Amino acid sequence: MELAEGDVDELIELWTVLDADRGPLVGKRGATALGFALLLKHYSRDGRFPRGRADLTDDVIEFVARQVGADASELGLYEWSGRTTEYHRSQIRVHGLTVASSPKNNDWPGRAWCRRSVGWWVFGWESQR
């Protein structure tokens, strides 16, 4: 089955692993790289992490897998809960803070991330100061 043009545009716009996203991927291979990249892109798109494989379409998985050099079938080996996934989530939250605060990067437009005592909060740039 072939994707409609609008679907392809959405894949490219929302699921492309950007150069700014590649830093946290260093050292990750196979299912780990694929799972991490999917967590990262889903979080940047929806503001939350996927609960599991069911939150992702086959087209998205295949598209991201090609970008990280993994096989889409390896996602079955990724653990969606546990210490590794929690560590990946914390890396992504810190990555969001770094990307959002970088004046050179507009990947997270209009957002600034700050840490409050518990949890992460999103504020518009204008409310930063």
Protein backbone atom coordinates (compact mmCIF):
# COMPACT_ATOMS: atom_id res chain seq x y z
CA MET A 1 0.00 0.00 0.00
CA GLU A 2 1.35 3.39 -0.97
CA LEU A 3 1.03 6.50 1.19
CA ALA A 4 -0.97 9.50 0.04
CA GLU A 5 1.04 12.65 -0.66
CA GLY A 6 -0.27 14.38 2.47
CA ASP A 7 0.77 11.40 4.57
CA VAL A 8 4.28 11.50 3.12
CA ASP A 9 4.52 15.23 3.87
CA GLU A 10 3.40 14.57 7.45
CA LEU A 11 5.97 11.78 7.86
CA ILE A 12 8.74 14.06 6.65
CA GLU A 13 7.64 17.06 8.71
CA LEU A 14 6.93 15.30 12.00
CA TRP A 15 9.08 12.17 11.99
CA THR A 16 12.38 13.19 10.40
CA VAL A 17 15.27 12.70 12.82
CA LEU A 18 17.04 16.05 12.66
CA ASP A 19 20.74 16.71 13.17
CA ALA A 20 19.87 18.27 16.54
CA ASP A 21 18.23 14.95 17.52
CA ARG A 22 21.26 12.82 16.69
CA GLY A 23 23.39 13.69 19.74
CA PRO A 24 21.41 11.54 22.20
CA LEU A 25 21.34 8.70 19.63
CA VAL A 26 25.13 8.28 19.71
CA GLY A 27 26.01 4.81 20.97
CA LYS A 28 22.52 3.39 20.46
CA ARG A 29 21.98 0.63 17.89
CA GLY A 30 19.20 -1.59 16.63
CA ALA A 31 16.05 -1.77 18.75
CA THR A 32 17.48 0.71 21.27
CA ALA A 33 18.16 3.36 18.63
CA LEU A 34 14.78 2.82 17.00
CA GLY A 35 12.85 2.89 20.27
CA PHE A 36 14.70 6.00 21.45
CA ALA A 37 14.13 7.85 18.16
CA LEU A 38 10.42 6.98 18.20
CA LEU A 39 10.10 8.17 21.80
CA LEU A 40 11.89 11.41 20.90
CA LYS A 41 9.85 12.21 17.80
CA HIS A 42 6.52 11.22 19.41
CA TYR A 43 7.32 13.41 22.41
CA SER A 44 8.24 16.39 20.22
CA ARG A 45 5.05 15.87 18.20
CA ASP A 46 2.49 15.14 20.93
CA GLY A 47 4.11 16.37 24.14
CA ARG A 48 3.89 12.88 25.63
CA PHE A 49 5.60 9.56 25.20
CA PRO A 50 3.97 6.67 23.37
CA ARG A 51 2.61 4.02 25.72
CA GLY A 52 3.76 1.29 23.40
CA ARG A 53 3.86 -0.05 19.88
CA ALA A 54 0.10 0.49 19.43
CA ASP A 55 0.59 4.29 19.51
CA LEU A 56 2.71 4.16 16.34
CA THR A 57 1.80 3.32 12.76
CA ASP A 58 3.80 0.88 10.63
CA ASP A 59 4.69 3.69 8.20
CA VAL A 60 6.13 5.81 11.01
CA ILE A 61 8.16 2.91 12.38
CA GLU A 62 9.59 2.04 8.97
CA PHE A 63 10.37 5.70 8.20
CA VAL A 64 12.24 6.25 11.48
CA ALA A 65 13.94 2.84 11.30
CA ARG A 66 15.52 3.73 7.94
CA GLN A 67 16.88 6.95 9.43
CA VAL A 68 18.57 5.28 12.39
CA GLY A 69 19.84 2.29 10.41
CA ALA A 70 17.66 -0.29 12.11
CA ASP A 71 15.18 -2.84 10.85
CA ALA A 72 11.55 -2.00 11.70
CA SER A 73 11.02 -5.53 13.03
CA GLU A 74 13.60 -4.85 15.77
CA LEU A 75 11.05 -2.68 17.56
CA GLY A 76 9.59 -5.91 18.94
CA LEU A 77 12.76 -6.19 21.05
CA TYR A 78 12.37 -2.74 22.61
CA GLU A 79 11.07 -2.73 26.20
CA TRP A 80 8.39 -0.04 26.65
CA SER A 81 8.75 0.01 30.43
CA GLY A 82 11.63 -0.41 32.80
CA ARG A 83 14.88 1.29 33.68
CA THR A 84 16.19 1.69 30.14
CA THR A 85 13.02 3.34 28.88
CA GLU A 86 12.87 5.63 31.92
CA TYR A 87 16.48 6.62 31.23
CA HIS A 88 15.60 7.29 27.57
CA ARG A 89 12.68 9.47 28.66
CA SER A 90 14.90 11.49 30.99
CA GLN A 91 17.45 11.96 28.18
CA ILE A 92 14.67 13.22 25.92
CA ARG A 93 13.39 15.65 28.53
CA VAL A 94 16.89 17.09 28.98
CA HIS A 95 17.32 17.16 25.18
CA GLY A 96 14.07 19.16 24.93
CA LEU A 97 15.43 21.65 27.46
CA THR A 98 18.70 22.00 25.53
CA VAL A 99 17.03 22.35 22.12
CA ALA A 100 14.40 24.78 23.36
CA SER A 101 16.93 27.05 25.02
CA SER A 102 19.24 27.13 22.00
CA PRO A 103 18.84 30.39 20.05
CA LYS A 104 20.14 28.62 16.92
CA ASN A 105 17.48 25.93 16.93
CA ASN A 106 13.85 26.47 16.05
CA ASP A 107 12.83 22.81 16.22
CA TRP A 108 10.68 23.53 19.28
CA PRO A 109 9.19 26.90 18.29
CA GLY A 110 7.56 29.03 20.94
CA ARG A 111 8.46 26.72 23.80
CA ALA A 112 10.80 26.99 26.71
CA TRP A 113 11.23 24.14 29.13
CA CYS A 114 11.95 24.58 32.78
CA ARG A 115 12.21 22.18 35.67
CA ARG A 116 9.96 22.73 38.66
CA SER A 117 10.15 20.65 41.81
CA VAL A 118 8.22 17.78 40.25
CA GLY A 119 7.70 17.35 36.52
CA TRP A 120 8.39 19.45 33.45
CA TRP A 121 6.41 22.51 32.42
CA VAL A 122 6.14 24.19 29.04
CA PHE A 123 5.99 27.97 28.78
CA GLY A 124 5.93 30.33 25.83
CA TRP A 125 9.10 32.29 25.12
CA GLU A 126 7.46 35.53 26.19
CA SER A 127 6.87 34.25 29.72
CA GLN A 128 10.50 33.27 30.28
CA ARG A 129 11.62 36.56 31.76
